[in-house]
Amino acid sequence: MIKISIIIALRNEAENVDKLFTSLRTINFSNSQYEIIFIDDSSSDDTYNKLKENINEGDNYFVFKAESKKYSGKKGALTLGVEKANFDYIMMTDADCIVSSEWLKKYSEKFDKGFDFIFAPSPFIAENNLVNKISCFENLRSSILTFSFFKMGFPYNAFGRNLGFSKKLFEKTKGYENTLETLSGDDDLLLREAVKRKLKIGIIEESDAFVYSYTKGKFKEYLKQKSRHLKTSHHYTVTIKNLLGIWHLINLIMLFSLFLVPIIPRIIVLPSMKILFDILIVKSFQKKYSYNFKIQQIFCLQIIYECFLILNFINSFIKKDRWN
């Protein structure tokens, strides 16, 4: 029987704790087969007390303060969580997430087949505001690219709020020791190390394994989050950086060829083909990843998505990396 330790690192998440516990208590898995370890990483709000208040007698939940960490940032808190874990398989999520009731069951079945590193989609919850629409569309495009590349033999990206690995993998990769180029990347760079060591990596695309989360509410918060995430991409392998660079460059050239139409009218074929292709791709995959964009939304959001790729990439060099 697979036994799993869920690790959740938190900093200043007091407003999310109640919703987090509501979600965790829906997990359909024997209490003797899993535990949940919360690591409060120097919160300045009431996170620690809120965690303690939500734990009932008999719960298989444990709360620790990250008073001494091996590494700075979130990686240090997560490492402490792995050290505290009693079981051989680790799963991770975040404080602002909603897990599916069959989440552990799906991962347990996959772990039971010998996989060392597993990840699954983590869609955003749709709301009626522009920042949310942009974030949801980016998440969809990222999911399509991530799982398509995986199936072609190029795993490069995982979702830190929905992944699991064996302690054996953590030992073989020396934990996060080789991923300290940036504070972020506790997911993608750990995956990179697993790929280097030819460990067995798997995905789960069934909706029962999805973990949902909320987007940022303001553009400032969104830009800060995206710059942090994209810093990790600077440390992908050369092969992955080349593949992603070529893919995004082709997309940008085809989109911005619109500006050449007054000079070369026939070039309108390129952006027209791209727009049609984007609509077909999104319409084909969106339900699989729990989204439902209309055609006019896809048209507008795809253009915004390509433009923000450039802005967020530039910001990833400018903005300082920090854990919350």
C-alpha atoms as a PDB file:
ATOM      1  CA  MET A   1       0.000   0.000   0.000  1.00  0.00           C
ATOM      2  CA  ILE A   2       1.316   3.428  -0.973  1.00  0.00           C
ATOM      3  CA  LYS A   3       1.657   5.872   1.930  1.00  0.00           C
ATOM      4  CA  ILE A   4       1.913   9.552   1.101  1.00  0.00           C
ATOM      5  CA  SER A   5       3.119  12.671   2.913  1.00  0.00           C
ATOM      6  CA  ILE A   6       1.561  15.900   1.619  1.00  0.00           C
ATOM      7  CA  ILE A   7       3.768  18.949   2.189  1.00  0.00           C
ATOM      8  CA  ILE A   8       2.398  22.486   2.110  1.00  0.00           C
ATOM      9  CA  ALA A   9       4.768  25.418   2.641  1.00  0.00           C
ATOM     10  CA  LEU A  10       3.043  28.659   3.614  1.00  0.00           C
ATOM     11  CA  ARG A  11       3.982  32.272   4.199  1.00  0.00           C
ATOM     12  CA  ASN A  12       1.366  34.884   5.121  1.00  0.00           C
ATOM     13  CA  GLU A  13      -1.578  32.771   3.968  1.00  0.00           C
ATOM     14  CA  ALA A  14      -3.928  33.328   6.939  1.00  0.00           C
ATOM     15  CA  GLU A  15      -6.794  34.361   4.647  1.00  0.00           C
ATOM     16  CA  ASN A  16      -6.559  31.067   2.729  1.00  0.00           C
ATOM     17  CA  VAL A  17      -6.171  28.601   5.608  1.00  0.00           C
ATOM     18  CA  ASP A  18      -9.884  27.966   6.227  1.00  0.00           C
ATOM     19  CA  LYS A  19     -10.586  27.280   2.539  1.00  0.00           C
ATOM     20  CA  LEU A  20      -7.495  25.071   2.348  1.00  0.00           C
ATOM     21  CA  PHE A  21      -8.704  22.875   5.209  1.00  0.00           C
ATOM     22  CA  THR A  22     -12.199  22.666   3.713  1.00  0.00           C
ATOM     23  CA  SER A  23     -10.601  21.289   0.554  1.00  0.00           C
ATOM     24  CA  LEU A  24      -8.192  18.901   2.288  1.00  0.00           C
ATOM     25  CA  ARG A  25     -10.982  17.348   4.343  1.00  0.00           C
ATOM     26  CA  THR A  26     -12.658  16.152   1.135  1.00  0.00           C
ATOM     27  CA  ILE A  27      -9.720  13.827   0.332  1.00  0.00           C
ATOM     28  CA  ASN A  28     -10.976  10.282  -0.150  1.00  0.00           C
ATOM     29  CA  PHE A  29      -8.080   8.205   1.175  1.00  0.00           C
ATOM     30  CA  SER A  30      -7.525   6.164   4.317  1.00  0.00           C
ATOM     31  CA  ASN A  31      -6.224   8.344   7.166  1.00  0.00           C
ATOM     32  CA  SER A  32      -3.612   5.722   7.983  1.00  0.00           C
ATOM     33  CA  GLN A  33      -2.192   6.010   4.463  1.00  0.00           C
ATOM     34  CA  TYR A  34      -1.380   9.711   4.404  1.00  0.00           C
ATOM     35  CA  GLU A  35      -0.342  12.700   6.477  1.00  0.00           C
ATOM     36  CA  ILE A  36      -0.291  16.429   5.833  1.00  0.00           C
ATOM     37  CA  ILE A  37       2.695  18.494   6.927  1.00  0.00           C
ATOM     38  CA  PHE A  38       2.383  22.279   7.043  1.00  0.00           C
ATOM     39  CA  ILE A  39       5.567  24.350   7.145  1.00  0.00           C
ATOM     40  CA  ASP A  40       4.977  27.962   8.205  1.00  0.00           C
ATOM     41  CA  ASP A  41       7.886  29.893   6.743  1.00  0.00           C
ATOM     42  CA  SER A  42       8.255  33.015   8.915  1.00  0.00           C
ATOM     43  CA  SER A  43       4.737  34.359   8.411  1.00  0.00           C
ATOM     44  CA  SER A  44       4.141  37.849   9.777  1.00  0.00           C
ATOM     45  CA  ASP A  45       0.366  37.339   9.912  1.00  0.00           C
ATOM     46  CA  ASP A  46      -1.760  34.803  11.816  1.00  0.00           C
ATOM     47  CA  THR A  47      -1.005  31.831   9.538  1.00  0.00           C
ATOM     48  CA  TYR A  48       0.548  29.607  12.213  1.00  0.00           C
ATOM     49  CA  ASN A  49      -2.278  30.130  14.718  1.00  0.00           C
ATOM     50  CA  LYS A  50      -4.913  29.593  12.020  1.00  0.00           C
ATOM     51  CA  LEU A  51      -3.294  26.293  11.093  1.00  0.00           C
ATOM     52  CA  LYS A  52      -3.301  25.128  14.714  1.00  0.00           C
ATOM     53  CA  GLU A  53      -6.930  26.189  15.172  1.00  0.00           C
ATOM     54  CA  ASN A  54      -8.071  24.098  12.193  1.00  0.00           C
ATOM     55  CA  ILE A  55      -6.500  20.852  13.379  1.00  0.00           C
ATOM     56  CA  ASN A  56      -8.850  18.551  15.282  1.00  0.00           C
ATOM     57  CA  GLU A  57      -7.955  15.794  17.698  1.00  0.00           C
ATOM     58  CA  GLY A  58      -7.133  12.649  15.749  1.00  0.00           C
ATOM     59  CA  ASP A  59      -6.180  14.499  12.564  1.00  0.00           C
ATOM     60  CA  ASN A  60      -3.145  13.259  10.673  1.00  0.00           C
ATOM     61  CA  TYR A  61      -2.001  16.868  10.247  1.00  0.00           C
ATOM     62  CA  PHE A  62       1.246  18.361  11.589  1.00  0.00           C
ATOM     63  CA  VAL A  63       2.381  21.990  11.779  1.00  0.00           C
ATOM     64  CA  PHE A  64       5.990  23.145  12.011  1.00  0.00           C
ATOM     65  CA  LYS A  65       7.738  26.492  11.901  1.00  0.00           C
ATOM     66  CA  ALA A  66      10.665  26.831   9.512  1.00  0.00           C
ATOM     67  CA  GLU A  67      12.987  28.158  12.186  1.00  0.00           C
ATOM     68  CA  SER A  68      16.151  26.791  10.597  1.00  0.00           C
ATOM     69  CA  LYS A  69      16.327  26.086   6.873  1.00  0.00           C
ATOM     70  CA  LYS A  70      18.982  24.440   4.753  1.00  0.00           C
ATOM     71  CA  TYR A  71      18.151  26.691   1.790  1.00  0.00           C
ATOM     72  CA  SER A  72      16.591  30.118   1.469  1.00  0.00           C
ATOM     73  CA  GLY A  73      13.092  30.663   0.122  1.00  0.00           C
ATOM     74  CA  LYS A  74      10.409  28.072  -0.472  1.00  0.00           C
ATOM     75  CA  LYS A  75      12.927  25.331  -1.275  1.00  0.00           C
ATOM     76  CA  GLY A  76      14.198  25.516   2.285  1.00  0.00           C
ATOM     77  CA  ALA A  77      10.691  25.152   3.729  1.00  0.00           C
ATOM     78  CA  LEU A  78       9.871  22.240   1.434  1.00  0.00           C
ATOM     79  CA  THR A  79      13.152  20.500   2.283  1.00  0.00           C
ATOM     80  CA  LEU A  80      12.266  20.743   5.955  1.00  0.00           C
ATOM     81  CA  GLY A  81       8.884  19.206   5.125  1.00  0.00           C
ATOM     82  CA  VAL A  82      10.522  16.261   3.334  1.00  0.00           C
ATOM     83  CA  GLU A  83      12.786  15.712   6.344  1.00  0.00           C
ATOM     84  CA  LYS A  84       9.726  15.634   8.638  1.00  0.00           C
ATOM     85  CA  ALA A  85       7.804  13.251   6.351  1.00  0.00           C
ATOM     86  CA  ASN A  86       7.156   9.759   7.706  1.00  0.00           C
ATOM     87  CA  PHE A  87       6.260   8.157   4.369  1.00  0.00           C
ATOM     88  CA  ASP A  88       8.197   7.244   1.219  1.00  0.00           C
ATOM     89  CA  TYR A  89       6.134   9.256  -1.256  1.00  0.00           C
ATOM     90  CA  ILE A  90       5.803  13.041  -1.212  1.00  0.00           C
ATOM     91  CA  MET A  91       3.112  15.236  -2.731  1.00  0.00           C
ATOM     92  CA  MET A  92       2.988  19.012  -2.777  1.00  0.00           C
ATOM     93  CA  THR A  93       0.407  21.715  -3.178  1.00  0.00           C
ATOM     94  CA  ASP A  94      -0.069  25.351  -2.136  1.00  0.00           C
ATOM     95  CA  ALA A  95      -2.164  27.159   0.432  1.00  0.00           C
ATOM     96  CA  ASP A  96      -4.482  28.787  -2.115  1.00  0.00           C
ATOM     97  CA  CYS A  97      -5.421  25.512  -3.816  1.00  0.00           C
ATOM     98  CA  ILE A  98      -8.450  23.233  -4.006  1.00  0.00           C
ATOM     99  CA  VAL A  99      -7.634  19.555  -4.376  1.00  0.00           C
ATOM    100  CA  SER A 100      -9.879  16.917  -5.932  1.00  0.00           C
ATOM    101  CA  SER A 101     -11.309  14.258  -3.605  1.00  0.00           C
ATOM    102  CA  GLU A 102      -9.609  11.443  -5.576  1.00  0.00           C
ATOM    103  CA  TRP A 103      -6.300  13.305  -5.800  1.00  0.00           C
ATOM    104  CA  LEU A 104      -4.288  10.950  -3.587  1.00  0.00           C
ATOM    105  CA  LYS A 105      -5.897   7.857  -5.068  1.00  0.00           C
ATOM    106  CA  LYS A 106      -4.832   8.804  -8.600  1.00  0.00           C
ATOM    107  CA  TYR A 107      -1.259   9.529  -7.535  1.00  0.00           C
ATOM    108  CA  SER A 108      -1.130   6.357  -5.438  1.00  0.00           C
ATOM    109  CA  GLU A 109      -2.089   4.264  -8.474  1.00  0.00           C
ATOM    110  CA  LYS A 110       0.663   5.921 -10.507  1.00  0.00           C
ATOM    111  CA  PHE A 111       3.299   5.591  -7.783  1.00  0.00           C
ATOM    112  CA  ASP A 112       2.367   1.920  -7.511  1.00  0.00           C
ATOM    113  CA  LYS A 113       3.564   1.476 -11.119  1.00  0.00           C
ATOM    114  CA  GLY A 114       7.080   2.551 -10.201  1.00  0.00           C
ATOM    115  CA  PHE A 115       7.100   6.222 -11.182  1.00  0.00           C
ATOM    116  CA  ASP A 116       9.554   8.468  -9.325  1.00  0.00           C
ATOM    117  CA  PHE A 117       8.181  11.881 -10.358  1.00  0.00           C
ATOM    118  CA  ILE A 118       4.565  12.611 -11.286  1.00  0.00           C
ATOM    119  CA  PHE A 119       2.702  15.807 -12.116  1.00  0.00           C
ATOM    120  CA  ALA A 120      -0.792  16.718 -13.257  1.00  0.00           C
ATOM    121  CA  PRO A 121      -2.631  19.818 -14.537  1.00  0.00           C
ATOM    122  CA  SER A 122      -3.439  22.675 -12.203  1.00  0.00           C
ATOM    123  CA  PRO A 123      -6.091  24.908 -13.801  1.00  0.00           C
ATOM    124  CA  PHE A 124      -7.133  28.296 -12.492  1.00  0.00           C
ATOM    125  CA  ILE A 125     -10.658  28.981 -11.301  1.00  0.00           C
ATOM    126  CA  ALA A 126     -12.370  31.244 -13.853  1.00  0.00           C
ATOM    127  CA  GLU A 127     -13.627  34.647 -12.703  1.00  0.00           C
ATOM    128  CA  ASN A 128     -15.004  37.647 -14.523  1.00  0.00           C
ATOM    129  CA  ASN A 129     -12.047  40.024 -14.679  1.00  0.00           C
ATOM    130  CA  LEU A 130      -9.284  40.698 -17.192  1.00  0.00           C
ATOM    131  CA  VAL A 131      -6.309  39.573 -15.079  1.00  0.00           C
ATOM    132  CA  ASN A 132      -8.063  36.287 -14.418  1.00  0.00           C
ATOM    133  CA  LYS A 133      -8.893  35.777 -18.117  1.00  0.00           C
ATOM    134  CA  ILE A 134      -5.270  36.395 -19.129  1.00  0.00           C
ATOM    135  CA  SER A 135      -3.960  34.082 -16.385  1.00  0.00           C
ATOM    136  CA  CYS A 136      -6.412  31.313 -17.278  1.00  0.00           C
ATOM    137  CA  PHE A 137      -5.527  31.534 -20.965  1.00  0.00           C
ATOM    138  CA  GLU A 138      -1.797  31.440 -20.175  1.00  0.00           C
ATOM    139  CA  ASN A 139      -2.363  28.425 -17.949  1.00  0.00           C
ATOM    140  CA  LEU A 140      -4.222  26.669 -20.755  1.00  0.00           C
ATOM    141  CA  ARG A 141      -1.507  27.389 -23.326  1.00  0.00           C
ATOM    142  CA  SER A 142       1.163  26.338 -20.832  1.00  0.00           C
ATOM    143  CA  SER A 143      -0.691  23.078 -20.111  1.00  0.00           C
ATOM    144  CA  ILE A 144      -1.046  22.265 -23.820  1.00  0.00           C
ATOM    145  CA  LEU A 145       2.661  22.932 -24.397  1.00  0.00           C
ATOM    146  CA  THR A 146       3.811  21.132 -21.224  1.00  0.00           C
ATOM    147  CA  PHE A 147       1.930  17.897 -21.816  1.00  0.00           C
ATOM    148  CA  SER A 148       2.535  17.905 -25.574  1.00  0.00           C
ATOM    149  CA  PHE A 149       6.299  18.275 -25.062  1.00  0.00           C
ATOM    150  CA  PHE A 150       6.192  15.531 -22.433  1.00  0.00           C
ATOM    151  CA  LYS A 151       4.568  13.121 -24.878  1.00  0.00           C
ATOM    152  CA  MET A 152       7.257  13.969 -27.458  1.00  0.00           C
ATOM    153  CA  GLY A 153       9.936  13.018 -24.917  1.00  0.00           C
ATOM    154  CA  PHE A 154      10.833  16.477 -23.628  1.00  0.00           C
ATOM    155  CA  PRO A 155       9.573  16.906 -20.044  1.00  0.00           C
ATOM    156  CA  TYR A 156      10.556  20.390 -18.853  1.00  0.00           C
ATOM    157  CA  ASN A 157       7.727  21.925 -16.850  1.00  0.00           C
ATOM    158  CA  ALA A 158       5.678  20.797 -13.845  1.00  0.00           C
ATOM    159  CA  PHE A 159       3.113  22.505 -11.660  1.00  0.00           C
ATOM    160  CA  GLY A 160       4.449  22.928  -8.130  1.00  0.00           C
ATOM    161  CA  ARG A 161       0.953  22.962  -6.673  1.00  0.00           C
ATOM    162  CA  ASN A 162       0.230  19.529  -8.147  1.00  0.00           C
ATOM    163  CA  LEU A 163       3.190  17.166  -8.183  1.00  0.00           C
ATOM    164  CA  GLY A 164       4.620  14.199  -6.331  1.00  0.00           C
ATOM    165  CA  PHE A 165       7.865  12.277  -6.106  1.00  0.00           C
ATOM    166  CA  SER A 166       9.490   9.447  -4.214  1.00  0.00           C
ATOM    167  CA  LYS A 167      11.951  10.040  -1.394  1.00  0.00           C
ATOM    168  CA  LYS A 168      14.307   7.889  -3.451  1.00  0.00           C
ATOM    169  CA  LEU A 169      14.239  10.550  -6.175  1.00  0.00           C
ATOM    170  CA  PHE A 170      14.837  13.324  -3.645  1.00  0.00           C
ATOM    171  CA  GLU A 171      17.889  11.486  -2.363  1.00  0.00           C
ATOM    172  CA  LYS A 172      19.258  10.734  -5.847  1.00  0.00           C
ATOM    173  CA  THR A 173      18.906  14.370  -6.947  1.00  0.00           C
ATOM    174  CA  LYS A 174      20.324  15.583  -3.599  1.00  0.00           C
ATOM    175  CA  GLY A 175      17.056  17.405  -3.033  1.00  0.00           C
ATOM    176  CA  TYR A 176      17.215  21.014  -4.173  1.00  0.00           C
ATOM    177  CA  GLU A 177      20.994  21.219  -3.866  1.00  0.00           C
ATOM    178  CA  ASN A 178      21.463  21.443  -7.638  1.00  0.00           C
ATOM    179  CA  THR A 179      18.558  23.827  -8.231  1.00  0.00           C
ATOM    180  CA  LEU A 180      19.741  26.891  -6.326  1.00  0.00           C
ATOM    181  CA  GLU A 181      20.340  29.103  -9.370  1.00  0.00           C
ATOM    182  CA  THR A 182      17.074  30.835  -8.507  1.00  0.00           C
ATOM    183  CA  LEU A 183      14.667  30.989  -5.554  1.00  0.00           C
ATOM    184  CA  SER A 184      11.879  29.661  -7.783  1.00  0.00           C
ATOM    185  CA  GLY A 185      11.960  26.363  -9.656  1.00  0.00           C
ATOM    186  CA  ASP A 186      11.164  23.955  -6.845  1.00  0.00           C
ATOM    187  CA  ASP A 187       9.108  22.138  -9.497  1.00  0.00           C
ATOM    188  CA  ASP A 188      10.726  22.596 -12.931  1.00  0.00           C
ATOM    189  CA  LEU A 189      14.341  22.398 -11.767  1.00  0.00           C
ATOM    190  CA  LEU A 190      13.688  19.319  -9.635  1.00  0.00           C
ATOM    191  CA  LEU A 191      12.140  17.795 -12.760  1.00  0.00           C
ATOM    192  CA  ARG A 192      15.252  18.810 -14.698  1.00  0.00           C
ATOM    193  CA  GLU A 193      17.427  16.915 -12.219  1.00  0.00           C
ATOM    194  CA  ALA A 194      15.152  13.864 -12.437  1.00  0.00           C
ATOM    195  CA  VAL A 195      15.463  13.904 -16.249  1.00  0.00           C
ATOM    196  CA  LYS A 196      19.256  14.132 -16.028  1.00  0.00           C
ATOM    197  CA  ARG A 197      19.335  11.002 -13.879  1.00  0.00           C
ATOM    198  CA  LYS A 198      16.926   9.144 -16.185  1.00  0.00           C
ATOM    199  CA  LEU A 199      14.399   8.553 -13.403  1.00  0.00           C
ATOM    200  CA  LYS A 200      10.893   7.392 -14.258  1.00  0.00           C
ATOM    201  CA  ILE A 201       8.632  10.398 -14.873  1.00  0.00           C
ATOM    202  CA  GLY A 202       4.881  10.240 -15.422  1.00  0.00           C
ATOM    203  CA  ILE A 203       1.839  12.448 -15.866  1.00  0.00           C
ATOM    204  CA  ILE A 204      -1.825  12.171 -14.917  1.00  0.00           C
ATOM    205  CA  GLU A 205      -4.328  13.963 -17.132  1.00  0.00           C
ATOM    206  CA  GLU A 206      -7.550  12.724 -15.524  1.00  0.00           C
ATOM    207  CA  SER A 207      -9.614  15.506 -13.945  1.00  0.00           C
ATOM    208  CA  ASP A 208      -9.753  13.568 -10.667  1.00  0.00           C
ATOM    209  CA  ALA A 209      -6.081  14.444 -10.195  1.00  0.00           C
ATOM    210  CA  PHE A 210      -6.476  18.171 -10.920  1.00  0.00           C
ATOM    211  CA  VAL A 211      -5.651  20.817  -8.330  1.00  0.00           C
ATOM    212  CA  TYR A 212      -7.398  24.155  -8.815  1.00  0.00           C
ATOM    213  CA  SER A 213      -6.231  27.544  -7.616  1.00  0.00           C
ATOM    214  CA  TYR A 214      -7.111  31.227  -7.756  1.00  0.00           C
ATOM    215  CA  THR A 215      -5.342  33.793  -9.911  1.00  0.00           C
ATOM    216  CA  LYS A 216      -3.886  37.078  -8.747  1.00  0.00           C
ATOM    217  CA  GLY A 217      -6.395  39.911  -8.664  1.00  0.00           C
ATOM    218  CA  LYS A 218      -4.226  42.827  -9.796  1.00  0.00           C
ATOM    219  CA  PHE A 219      -1.859  43.350 -12.716  1.00  0.00           C
ATOM    220  CA  LYS A 220       1.009  44.280 -10.383  1.00  0.00           C
ATOM    221  CA  GLU A 221       0.678  40.959  -8.533  1.00  0.00           C
ATOM    222  CA  TYR A 222       0.287  39.062 -11.793  1.00  0.00           C
ATOM    223  CA  LEU A 223       3.445  40.598 -13.315  1.00  0.00           C
ATOM    224  CA  LYS A 224       5.424  39.877 -10.153  1.00  0.00           C
ATOM    225  CA  GLN A 225       4.312  36.240 -10.167  1.00  0.00           C
ATOM    226  CA  LYS A 226       5.056  35.731 -13.880  1.00  0.00           C
ATOM    227  CA  SER A 227       8.527  37.265 -13.658  1.00  0.00           C
ATOM    228  CA  ARG A 228       9.312  34.868 -10.790  1.00  0.00           C
ATOM    229  CA  HIS A 229       8.066  31.864 -12.762  1.00  0.00           C
ATOM    230  CA  LEU A 230       9.947  32.835 -15.918  1.00  0.00           C
ATOM    231  CA  LYS A 231      13.235  33.212 -14.039  1.00  0.00           C
ATOM    232  CA  THR A 232      13.200  29.439 -13.807  1.00  0.00           C
ATOM    233  CA  SER A 233      13.151  29.108 -17.607  1.00  0.00           C
ATOM    234  CA  HIS A 234      16.607  30.707 -17.748  1.00  0.00           C
ATOM    235  CA  HIS A 235      17.915  27.502 -16.158  1.00  0.00           C
ATOM    236  CA  TYR A 236      16.260  24.900 -18.372  1.00  0.00           C
ATOM    237  CA  THR A 237      18.532  22.622 -20.368  1.00  0.00           C
ATOM    238  CA  VAL A 238      19.924  24.020 -23.624  1.00  0.00           C
ATOM    239  CA  THR A 239      17.735  21.638 -25.638  1.00  0.00           C
ATOM    240  CA  ILE A 240      14.543  22.793 -23.943  1.00  0.00           C
ATOM    241  CA  LYS A 241      15.468  26.479 -24.212  1.00  0.00           C
ATOM    242  CA  ASN A 242      16.142  26.058 -27.930  1.00  0.00           C
ATOM    243  CA  LEU A 243      12.877  24.199 -28.549  1.00  0.00           C
ATOM    244  CA  LEU A 244      10.803  26.726 -26.605  1.00  0.00           C
ATOM    245  CA  GLY A 245      12.661  29.632 -28.196  1.00  0.00           C
ATOM    246  CA  ILE A 246      11.994  28.359 -31.720  1.00  0.00           C
ATOM    247  CA  TRP A 247       8.328  27.662 -30.937  1.00  0.00           C
ATOM    248  CA  HIS A 248       7.650  31.101 -29.453  1.00  0.00           C
ATOM    249  CA  LEU A 249       9.701  32.903 -32.111  1.00  0.00           C
ATOM    250  CA  ILE A 250       7.678  31.301 -34.921  1.00  0.00           C
ATOM    251  CA  ASN A 251       4.459  32.328 -33.186  1.00  0.00           C
ATOM    252  CA  LEU A 252       5.632  35.922 -32.692  1.00  0.00           C
ATOM    253  CA  ILE A 253       6.860  36.278 -36.278  1.00  0.00           C
ATOM    254  CA  MET A 254       3.568  35.019 -37.667  1.00  0.00           C
ATOM    255  CA  LEU A 255       1.564  37.328 -35.398  1.00  0.00           C
ATOM    256  CA  PHE A 256       3.583  40.491 -35.979  1.00  0.00           C
ATOM    257  CA  SER A 257       3.740  39.888 -39.711  1.00  0.00           C
ATOM    258  CA  LEU A 258       0.407  41.742 -39.624  1.00  0.00           C
ATOM    259  CA  PHE A 259       2.419  44.978 -39.655  1.00  0.00           C
ATOM    260  CA  LEU A 260       3.883  44.038 -43.048  1.00  0.00           C
ATOM    261  CA  VAL A 261       0.503  43.571 -44.737  1.00  0.00           C
ATOM    262  CA  PRO A 262       0.357  47.185 -46.102  1.00  0.00           C
ATOM    263  CA  ILE A 263       3.752  46.575 -47.748  1.00  0.00           C
ATOM    264  CA  ILE A 264       3.326  42.906 -48.728  1.00  0.00           C
ATOM    265  CA  PRO A 265      -0.430  42.189 -48.924  1.00  0.00           C
ATOM    266  CA  ARG A 266       0.054  38.470 -49.552  1.00  0.00           C
ATOM    267  CA  ILE A 267       1.713  38.053 -46.166  1.00  0.00           C
ATOM    268  CA  ILE A 268      -1.741  38.236 -44.584  1.00  0.00           C
ATOM    269  CA  VAL A 269      -1.777  34.456 -45.099  1.00  0.00           C
ATOM    270  CA  LEU A 270       0.680  33.954 -42.198  1.00  0.00           C
ATOM    271  CA  PRO A 271      -1.237  35.724 -39.392  1.00  0.00           C
ATOM    272  CA  SER A 272      -4.510  34.321 -40.745  1.00  0.00           C
ATOM    273  CA  MET A 273      -3.163  30.775 -40.581  1.00  0.00           C
ATOM    274  CA  LYS A 274      -1.822  31.384 -37.087  1.00  0.00           C
ATOM    275  CA  ILE A 275      -5.097  32.781 -35.752  1.00  0.00           C
ATOM    276  CA  LEU A 276      -7.051  29.869 -37.238  1.00  0.00           C
ATOM    277  CA  PHE A 277      -4.540  27.363 -35.841  1.00  0.00           C
ATOM    278  CA  ASP A 278      -4.688  28.953 -32.366  1.00  0.00           C
ATOM    279  CA  ILE A 279      -8.479  28.843 -32.303  1.00  0.00           C
ATOM    280  CA  LEU A 280      -8.518  25.182 -33.377  1.00  0.00           C
ATOM    281  CA  ILE A 281      -5.919  24.193 -30.781  1.00  0.00           C
ATOM    282  CA  VAL A 282      -7.644  25.998 -27.904  1.00  0.00           C
ATOM    283  CA  LYS A 283     -11.088  24.718 -28.858  1.00  0.00           C
ATOM    284  CA  SER A 284      -9.705  21.166 -29.079  1.00  0.00           C
ATOM    285  CA  PHE A 285      -7.986  21.150 -25.672  1.00  0.00           C
ATOM    286  CA  GLN A 286      -9.775  23.633 -23.432  1.00  0.00           C
ATOM    287  CA  LYS A 287     -12.422  21.295 -22.005  1.00  0.00           C
ATOM    288  CA  LYS A 288      -9.737  18.765 -21.149  1.00  0.00           C
ATOM    289  CA  TYR A 289      -8.132  21.374 -18.888  1.00  0.00           C
ATOM    290  CA  SER A 290     -11.415  22.728 -17.454  1.00  0.00           C
ATOM    291  CA  TYR A 291     -11.707  25.913 -19.541  1.00  0.00           C
ATOM    292  CA  ASN A 292     -14.365  27.278 -21.860  1.00  0.00           C
ATOM    293  CA  PHE A 293     -13.228  30.251 -23.957  1.00  0.00           C
ATOM    294  CA  LYS A 294     -15.384  31.655 -26.750  1.00  0.00           C
ATOM    295  CA  ILE A 295     -13.903  32.189 -30.207  1.00  0.00           C
ATOM    296  CA  GLN A 296     -13.748  35.990 -29.858  1.00  0.00           C
ATOM    297  CA  GLN A 297     -12.039  35.588 -26.482  1.00  0.00           C
ATOM    298  CA  ILE A 298      -9.461  33.210 -27.953  1.00  0.00           C
ATOM    299  CA  PHE A 299      -8.709  35.712 -30.731  1.00  0.00           C
ATOM    300  CA  CYS A 300      -8.112  38.607 -28.303  1.00  0.00           C
ATOM    301  CA  LEU A 301      -6.414  36.630 -25.531  1.00  0.00           C
ATOM    302  CA  GLN A 302      -3.979  34.966 -27.926  1.00  0.00           C
ATOM    303  CA  ILE A 303      -2.694  38.366 -29.032  1.00  0.00           C
ATOM    304  CA  ILE A 304      -2.438  39.527 -25.397  1.00  0.00           C
ATOM    305  CA  TYR A 305      -0.714  36.258 -24.498  1.00  0.00           C
ATOM    306  CA  GLU A 306       1.980  36.703 -27.156  1.00  0.00           C
ATOM    307  CA  CYS A 307       2.603  40.325 -26.119  1.00  0.00           C
ATOM    308  CA  PHE A 308       2.823  39.450 -22.431  1.00  0.00           C
ATOM    309  CA  LEU A 309       5.311  36.690 -23.260  1.00  0.00           C
ATOM    310  CA  ILE A 310       7.731  39.418 -24.294  1.00  0.00           C
ATOM    311  CA  LEU A 311       6.951  41.698 -21.331  1.00  0.00           C
ATOM    312  CA  ASN A 312       7.145  38.927 -18.747  1.00  0.00           C
ATOM    313  CA  PHE A 313      10.380  37.581 -20.206  1.00  0.00           C
ATOM    314  CA  ILE A 314      11.982  41.029 -19.943  1.00  0.00           C
ATOM    315  CA  ASN A 315      10.672  41.418 -16.384  1.00  0.00           C
ATOM    316  CA  SER A 316      12.226  38.075 -15.453  1.00  0.00           C
ATOM    317  CA  PHE A 317      15.640  39.704 -15.915  1.00  0.00           C
ATOM    318  CA  ILE A 318      14.728  42.963 -14.187  1.00  0.00           C
ATOM    319  CA  LYS A 319      12.575  42.082 -11.188  1.00  0.00           C
ATOM    320  CA  LYS A 320      14.106  40.665  -8.019  1.00  0.00           C
ATOM    321  CA  ASP A 321      13.317  37.034  -7.185  1.00  0.00           C
ATOM    322  CA  ARG A 322      11.628  36.536  -3.822  1.00  0.00           C
ATOM    323  CA  TRP A 323       9.483  33.938  -1.983  1.00  0.00           C
ATOM    324  CA  ASN A 324       6.159  35.744  -1.420  1.00  0.00           C
END
